[in-house]
Amino acid sequence: MVVISNDAVCHTGGLYSRLWCVWEVYCAMNDGVKILMHPRTSTELHLFGTGGKTHFQPKKNARCGKPGSKMTADEKSIRQTIDPGPTWWWRGSPCFATWRVIKETVLTCSRRTTMPGRMDAYECDLGHRGVKMLLEVIAENPSKYTALELSNNSIDDRTAEALAAALQHNTTLKVLNLRDNEIGDDGAKALAAALHHNTTL
């Protein structure tokens, strides 16, 4: 499951001020579904709003709909599932969906919030296509990013060569992490050649 926030929620409590999103993340993690946080919008501001993680209280503040709006049928249903007690049944098995557990689950899922200027795609299994799409995002606004985390993303020689081509023209990136990938001699040579042109890395 890919979690993508948007800029509009940054100043209205963040993505997790929406109870739908809180509940979906809890159910996905409880069912063993891999969750990928989109690197551009996984900042603490995007996920938790101006209050940050320390003020994240889903029972009190998370709503289905805009904050302060009337409780919807969806919100009633979710809250009725959680509030009665610590145990409920999901696909024939007992689950422990207390508000405390749900809060801890969301915080665990969001433990790698990104910092301004940092594109964090650690262990996202991006592969060639994913990395190329990421490079296109950076190329659209290169001055916005100074650090790129690409560890453990199945990056091979072909992808490394594409990355090297992009690095030759980038003048703002200062940190690049490519640990635990599948880059061989050809990819390493391409990256080394790119560093002769890149003066900031």
C-alpha atoms as a PDB file:
ATOM      1  CA  MET A   1       0.000   0.000   0.000  1.00  0.00           C
ATOM      2  CA  VAL A   2       1.381   3.407  -0.986  1.00  0.00           C
ATOM      3  CA  VAL A   3       0.632   6.281   1.411  1.00  0.00           C
ATOM      4  CA  ILE A   4       0.613   9.660  -0.316  1.00  0.00           C
ATOM      5  CA  SER A   5      -0.260  12.801   1.577  1.00  0.00           C
ATOM      6  CA  ASN A   6      -0.853  16.181  -0.025  1.00  0.00           C
ATOM      7  CA  ASP A   7       0.184  19.710   0.751  1.00  0.00           C
ATOM      8  CA  ALA A   8      -3.360  20.782   1.632  1.00  0.00           C
ATOM      9  CA  VAL A   9      -3.414  18.801   4.900  1.00  0.00           C
ATOM     10  CA  CYS A  10      -0.146  20.205   6.261  1.00  0.00           C
ATOM     11  CA  HIS A  11      -1.911  22.949   8.203  1.00  0.00           C
ATOM     12  CA  THR A  12      -5.112  21.037   9.020  1.00  0.00           C
ATOM     13  CA  GLY A  13      -3.659  18.336  11.244  1.00  0.00           C
ATOM     14  CA  GLY A  14      -1.798  16.310   8.618  1.00  0.00           C
ATOM     15  CA  LEU A  15      -2.765  13.074   6.894  1.00  0.00           C
ATOM     16  CA  TYR A  16      -3.440  11.318  10.195  1.00  0.00           C
ATOM     17  CA  SER A  17      -6.017  13.857  11.288  1.00  0.00           C
ATOM     18  CA  ARG A  18      -8.224  11.778   8.947  1.00  0.00           C
ATOM     19  CA  LEU A  19      -9.516   8.719  10.776  1.00  0.00           C
ATOM     20  CA  TRP A  20      -9.906   6.823   7.487  1.00  0.00           C
ATOM     21  CA  CYS A  21      -6.138   7.019   6.984  1.00  0.00           C
ATOM     22  CA  VAL A  22      -5.355   6.024  10.566  1.00  0.00           C
ATOM     23  CA  TRP A  23      -7.655   3.003  10.294  1.00  0.00           C
ATOM     24  CA  GLU A  24      -6.353   1.924   6.879  1.00  0.00           C
ATOM     25  CA  VAL A  25      -2.730   1.992   8.059  1.00  0.00           C
ATOM     26  CA  TYR A  26      -3.600   0.030  11.193  1.00  0.00           C
ATOM     27  CA  CYS A  27      -5.506  -2.642   9.232  1.00  0.00           C
ATOM     28  CA  ALA A  28      -2.776  -2.903   6.587  1.00  0.00           C
ATOM     29  CA  MET A  29       0.002  -3.380   9.138  1.00  0.00           C
ATOM     30  CA  ASN A  30      -2.132  -5.795  11.146  1.00  0.00           C
ATOM     31  CA  ASP A  31      -2.682  -7.860   7.986  1.00  0.00           C
ATOM     32  CA  GLY A  32       0.996  -7.837   7.005  1.00  0.00           C
ATOM     33  CA  VAL A  33       0.596  -5.508   4.001  1.00  0.00           C
ATOM     34  CA  LYS A  34       3.812  -3.652   3.110  1.00  0.00           C
ATOM     35  CA  ILE A  35       3.380   0.111   3.379  1.00  0.00           C
ATOM     36  CA  LEU A  36       5.432   2.554   1.347  1.00  0.00           C
ATOM     37  CA  MET A  37       5.457   6.185   2.430  1.00  0.00           C
ATOM     38  CA  HIS A  38       5.856   8.451  -0.598  1.00  0.00           C
ATOM     39  CA  PRO A  39       9.244  10.109  -0.012  1.00  0.00           C
ATOM     40  CA  ARG A  40       8.171  13.601  -1.073  1.00  0.00           C
ATOM     41  CA  THR A  41       5.229  13.744   1.309  1.00  0.00           C
ATOM     42  CA  SER A  42       6.479  11.755   4.275  1.00  0.00           C
ATOM     43  CA  THR A  43       7.575  14.802   6.247  1.00  0.00           C
ATOM     44  CA  GLU A  44       6.281  15.116   9.781  1.00  0.00           C
ATOM     45  CA  LEU A  45       4.288  18.168   8.685  1.00  0.00           C
ATOM     46  CA  HIS A  46       2.527  16.206   5.927  1.00  0.00           C
ATOM     47  CA  LEU A  47       1.693  13.298   8.221  1.00  0.00           C
ATOM     48  CA  PHE A  48       0.951  14.977  11.558  1.00  0.00           C
ATOM     49  CA  GLY A  49       0.440  18.653  10.794  1.00  0.00           C
ATOM     50  CA  THR A  50       1.892  21.529  12.786  1.00  0.00           C
ATOM     51  CA  GLY A  51       1.357  19.672  16.078  1.00  0.00           C
ATOM     52  CA  GLY A  52       3.818  16.954  15.070  1.00  0.00           C
ATOM     53  CA  LYS A  53       4.009  13.432  16.451  1.00  0.00           C
ATOM     54  CA  THR A  54       3.942  14.578  20.071  1.00  0.00           C
ATOM     55  CA  HIS A  55       0.369  15.878  19.734  1.00  0.00           C
ATOM     56  CA  PHE A  56      -0.965  12.946  17.707  1.00  0.00           C
ATOM     57  CA  GLN A  57      -4.114  11.743  19.505  1.00  0.00           C
ATOM     58  CA  PRO A  58      -6.314   9.787  17.046  1.00  0.00           C
ATOM     59  CA  LYS A  59      -9.107   9.092  19.540  1.00  0.00           C
ATOM     60  CA  LYS A  60      -9.538  12.778  20.298  1.00  0.00           C
ATOM     61  CA  ASN A  61      -8.575  14.510  17.051  1.00  0.00           C
ATOM     62  CA  ALA A  62      -8.808  12.160  14.047  1.00  0.00           C
ATOM     63  CA  ARG A  63     -12.003  12.613  12.037  1.00  0.00           C
ATOM     64  CA  CYS A  64     -13.582  11.317   8.848  1.00  0.00           C
ATOM     65  CA  GLY A  65     -13.942  14.599   7.031  1.00  0.00           C
ATOM     66  CA  LYS A  66     -12.784  18.069   7.955  1.00  0.00           C
ATOM     67  CA  PRO A  67     -11.849  18.774  11.594  1.00  0.00           C
ATOM     68  CA  GLY A  68     -14.846  20.146  13.434  1.00  0.00           C
ATOM     69  CA  SER A  69     -17.368  18.681  10.986  1.00  0.00           C
ATOM     70  CA  LYS A  70     -20.318  16.482  11.959  1.00  0.00           C
ATOM     71  CA  MET A  71     -19.473  12.848  12.615  1.00  0.00           C
ATOM     72  CA  THR A  72     -20.063  10.735   9.496  1.00  0.00           C
ATOM     73  CA  ALA A  73     -21.385   7.189   9.298  1.00  0.00           C
ATOM     74  CA  ASP A  74     -17.864   5.964   8.491  1.00  0.00           C
ATOM     75  CA  GLU A  75     -16.437   7.611  11.590  1.00  0.00           C
ATOM     76  CA  LYS A  76     -19.183   6.147  13.786  1.00  0.00           C
ATOM     77  CA  SER A  77     -18.495   2.692  12.386  1.00  0.00           C
ATOM     78  CA  ILE A  78     -14.737   2.906  12.978  1.00  0.00           C
ATOM     79  CA  ARG A  79     -15.126   4.312  16.479  1.00  0.00           C
ATOM     80  CA  GLN A  80     -17.721   1.690  17.413  1.00  0.00           C
ATOM     81  CA  THR A  81     -15.266  -0.997  16.300  1.00  0.00           C
ATOM     82  CA  ILE A  82     -12.497   0.381  18.512  1.00  0.00           C
ATOM     83  CA  ASP A  83     -14.285   1.729  21.576  1.00  0.00           C
ATOM     84  CA  PRO A  84     -16.086  -1.365  22.962  1.00  0.00           C
ATOM     85  CA  GLY A  85     -12.933  -3.107  24.169  1.00  0.00           C
ATOM     86  CA  PRO A  86      -9.481  -4.437  23.434  1.00  0.00           C
ATOM     87  CA  THR A  87     -10.487  -7.397  21.259  1.00  0.00           C
ATOM     88  CA  TRP A  88     -12.335  -7.584  17.960  1.00  0.00           C
ATOM     89  CA  TRP A  89     -12.409 -10.162  15.188  1.00  0.00           C
ATOM     90  CA  TRP A  90     -10.813  -9.773  11.767  1.00  0.00           C
ATOM     91  CA  ARG A  91     -11.005 -12.616   9.237  1.00  0.00           C
ATOM     92  CA  GLY A  92     -11.648 -15.139  11.964  1.00  0.00           C
ATOM     93  CA  SER A  93      -8.815 -14.036  14.272  1.00  0.00           C
ATOM     94  CA  PRO A  94      -8.860 -11.814  17.367  1.00  0.00           C
ATOM     95  CA  CYS A  95      -7.238  -8.393  17.022  1.00  0.00           C
ATOM     96  CA  PHE A  96      -6.399  -5.839  19.671  1.00  0.00           C
ATOM     97  CA  ALA A  97      -7.544  -2.522  18.238  1.00  0.00           C
ATOM     98  CA  THR A  98      -7.374  -0.215  21.221  1.00  0.00           C
ATOM     99  CA  TRP A  99      -6.705   3.454  20.627  1.00  0.00           C
ATOM    100  CA  ARG A 100      -3.281   3.057  22.230  1.00  0.00           C
ATOM    101  CA  VAL A 101      -2.336   0.197  19.895  1.00  0.00           C
ATOM    102  CA  ILE A 102      -3.621   2.095  16.862  1.00  0.00           C
ATOM    103  CA  LYS A 103      -1.606   5.180  17.824  1.00  0.00           C
ATOM    104  CA  GLU A 104       1.563   3.116  18.308  1.00  0.00           C
ATOM    105  CA  THR A 105       0.993   1.325  14.989  1.00  0.00           C
ATOM    106  CA  VAL A 106       0.707   4.582  13.059  1.00  0.00           C
ATOM    107  CA  LEU A 107       3.773   6.036  14.778  1.00  0.00           C
ATOM    108  CA  THR A 108       5.743   2.881  13.952  1.00  0.00           C
ATOM    109  CA  CYS A 109       4.681   3.090  10.313  1.00  0.00           C
ATOM    110  CA  SER A 110       5.721   6.743  10.203  1.00  0.00           C
ATOM    111  CA  ARG A 111       8.983   6.468  12.134  1.00  0.00           C
ATOM    112  CA  ARG A 112      11.033   7.533   9.097  1.00  0.00           C
ATOM    113  CA  THR A 113       9.568  10.951   8.430  1.00  0.00           C
ATOM    114  CA  THR A 114      11.732  12.941   6.043  1.00  0.00           C
ATOM    115  CA  MET A 115      13.342  16.294   6.732  1.00  0.00           C
ATOM    116  CA  PRO A 116      13.128  19.343   4.460  1.00  0.00           C
ATOM    117  CA  GLY A 117      15.521  18.949   1.544  1.00  0.00           C
ATOM    118  CA  ARG A 118      15.817  15.184   2.034  1.00  0.00           C
ATOM    119  CA  MET A 119      14.283  12.629  -0.325  1.00  0.00           C
ATOM    120  CA  ASP A 120      14.072   9.415   1.711  1.00  0.00           C
ATOM    121  CA  ALA A 121      13.254   6.271  -0.270  1.00  0.00           C
ATOM    122  CA  TYR A 122      15.062   3.741   1.911  1.00  0.00           C
ATOM    123  CA  GLU A 123      14.071   0.116   1.291  1.00  0.00           C
ATOM    124  CA  CYS A 124      11.207   1.007  -1.063  1.00  0.00           C
ATOM    125  CA  ASP A 125      12.224  -1.577  -3.698  1.00  0.00           C
ATOM    126  CA  LEU A 126      11.996   1.095  -6.389  1.00  0.00           C
ATOM    127  CA  GLY A 127      13.918  -0.725  -9.109  1.00  0.00           C
ATOM    128  CA  HIS A 128      14.814   0.926 -12.414  1.00  0.00           C
ATOM    129  CA  ARG A 129      11.423   2.438 -13.177  1.00  0.00           C
ATOM    130  CA  GLY A 130      10.908   3.789  -9.666  1.00  0.00           C
ATOM    131  CA  VAL A 131      14.330   5.431  -9.517  1.00  0.00           C
ATOM    132  CA  LYS A 132      13.818   7.060 -12.921  1.00  0.00           C
ATOM    133  CA  MET A 133      10.481   8.486 -11.751  1.00  0.00           C
ATOM    134  CA  LEU A 134      12.187   9.779  -8.603  1.00  0.00           C
ATOM    135  CA  LEU A 135      14.883  11.445 -10.693  1.00  0.00           C
ATOM    136  CA  GLU A 136      12.198  13.128 -12.795  1.00  0.00           C
ATOM    137  CA  VAL A 137      10.626  14.572  -9.633  1.00  0.00           C
ATOM    138  CA  ILE A 138      14.004  15.916  -8.505  1.00  0.00           C
ATOM    139  CA  ALA A 139      14.769  17.311 -11.977  1.00  0.00           C
ATOM    140  CA  GLU A 140      11.540  19.344 -11.883  1.00  0.00           C
ATOM    141  CA  ASN A 141      12.777  21.226  -8.814  1.00  0.00           C
ATOM    142  CA  PRO A 142      16.450  20.340  -8.272  1.00  0.00           C
ATOM    143  CA  SER A 143      17.166  23.126  -5.801  1.00  0.00           C
ATOM    144  CA  LYS A 144      14.625  21.630  -3.374  1.00  0.00           C
ATOM    145  CA  TYR A 145      16.657  18.518  -2.577  1.00  0.00           C
ATOM    146  CA  THR A 146      20.092  18.287  -0.962  1.00  0.00           C
ATOM    147  CA  ALA A 147      20.020  14.642   0.214  1.00  0.00           C
ATOM    148  CA  LEU A 148      18.857  11.460  -1.510  1.00  0.00           C
ATOM    149  CA  GLU A 149      18.489   8.171   0.388  1.00  0.00           C
ATOM    150  CA  LEU A 150      18.308   5.166  -1.968  1.00  0.00           C
ATOM    151  CA  SER A 151      19.617   2.317   0.173  1.00  0.00           C
ATOM    152  CA  ASN A 152      18.253  -1.163  -0.503  1.00  0.00           C
ATOM    153  CA  ASN A 153      16.304  -0.417  -3.690  1.00  0.00           C
ATOM    154  CA  SER A 154      17.426  -3.150  -6.117  1.00  0.00           C
ATOM    155  CA  ILE A 155      19.493  -0.633  -8.078  1.00  0.00           C
ATOM    156  CA  ASP A 156      21.541  -2.427 -10.757  1.00  0.00           C
ATOM    157  CA  ASP A 157      24.080  -1.208 -13.326  1.00  0.00           C
ATOM    158  CA  ARG A 158      21.424   0.080 -15.734  1.00  0.00           C
ATOM    159  CA  THR A 159      19.763   2.137 -13.023  1.00  0.00           C
ATOM    160  CA  ALA A 160      23.113   3.358 -11.708  1.00  0.00           C
ATOM    161  CA  GLU A 161      23.988   4.601 -15.190  1.00  0.00           C
ATOM    162  CA  ALA A 162      20.709   6.543 -15.369  1.00  0.00           C
ATOM    163  CA  LEU A 163      21.435   7.967 -11.934  1.00  0.00           C
ATOM    164  CA  ALA A 164      24.953   8.922 -13.014  1.00  0.00           C
ATOM    165  CA  ALA A 165      23.612  10.798 -16.040  1.00  0.00           C
ATOM    166  CA  ALA A 166      21.309  12.815 -13.774  1.00  0.00           C
ATOM    167  CA  LEU A 167      24.083  13.558 -11.278  1.00  0.00           C
ATOM    168  CA  GLN A 168      26.278  15.178 -13.910  1.00  0.00           C
ATOM    169  CA  HIS A 169      23.847  18.101 -14.179  1.00  0.00           C
ATOM    170  CA  ASN A 170      22.808  18.362 -10.525  1.00  0.00           C
ATOM    171  CA  THR A 171      24.438  21.145  -8.510  1.00  0.00           C
ATOM    172  CA  THR A 172      22.509  21.008  -5.222  1.00  0.00           C
ATOM    173  CA  LEU A 173      22.617  17.371  -4.064  1.00  0.00           C
ATOM    174  CA  LYS A 174      25.168  16.998  -1.259  1.00  0.00           C
ATOM    175  CA  VAL A 175      24.350  13.536   0.124  1.00  0.00           C
ATOM    176  CA  LEU A 176      23.619  10.314  -1.788  1.00  0.00           C
ATOM    177  CA  ASN A 177      23.307   6.911  -0.095  1.00  0.00           C
ATOM    178  CA  LEU A 178      23.370   3.833  -2.376  1.00  0.00           C
ATOM    179  CA  ARG A 179      24.192   1.188   0.227  1.00  0.00           C
ATOM    180  CA  ASP A 180      22.866  -2.376  -0.131  1.00  0.00           C
ATOM    181  CA  ASN A 181      22.045  -2.269  -3.827  1.00  0.00           C
ATOM    182  CA  GLU A 182      23.121  -4.442  -6.766  1.00  0.00           C
ATOM    183  CA  ILE A 183      25.550  -2.089  -8.502  1.00  0.00           C
ATOM    184  CA  GLY A 184      28.366  -3.856 -10.351  1.00  0.00           C
ATOM    185  CA  ASP A 185      31.546  -2.646 -12.029  1.00  0.00           C
ATOM    186  CA  ASP A 186      29.805  -0.889 -14.935  1.00  0.00           C
ATOM    187  CA  GLY A 187      27.459   1.027 -12.662  1.00  0.00           C
ATOM    188  CA  ALA A 188      30.298   1.980 -10.333  1.00  0.00           C
ATOM    189  CA  LYS A 189      32.363   3.274 -13.251  1.00  0.00           C
ATOM    190  CA  ALA A 190      29.443   5.378 -14.498  1.00  0.00           C
ATOM    191  CA  LEU A 191      28.932   6.897 -11.050  1.00  0.00           C
ATOM    192  CA  ALA A 192      32.640   7.577 -10.663  1.00  0.00           C
ATOM    193  CA  ALA A 193      32.684   9.359 -14.027  1.00  0.00           C
ATOM    194  CA  ALA A 194      29.697  11.456 -13.006  1.00  0.00           C
ATOM    195  CA  LEU A 195      31.523  12.627  -9.886  1.00  0.00           C
ATOM    196  CA  HIS A 196      34.164  14.240 -12.069  1.00  0.00           C
ATOM    197  CA  HIS A 197      31.449  16.640 -13.289  1.00  0.00           C
ATOM    198  CA  ASN A 198      29.511  16.961 -10.034  1.00  0.00           C
ATOM    199  CA  THR A 199      31.113  19.416  -7.616  1.00  0.00           C
ATOM    200  CA  THR A 200      28.664  19.208  -4.690  1.00  0.00           C
ATOM    201  CA  LEU A 201      28.547  15.502  -3.801  1.00  0.00           C
END
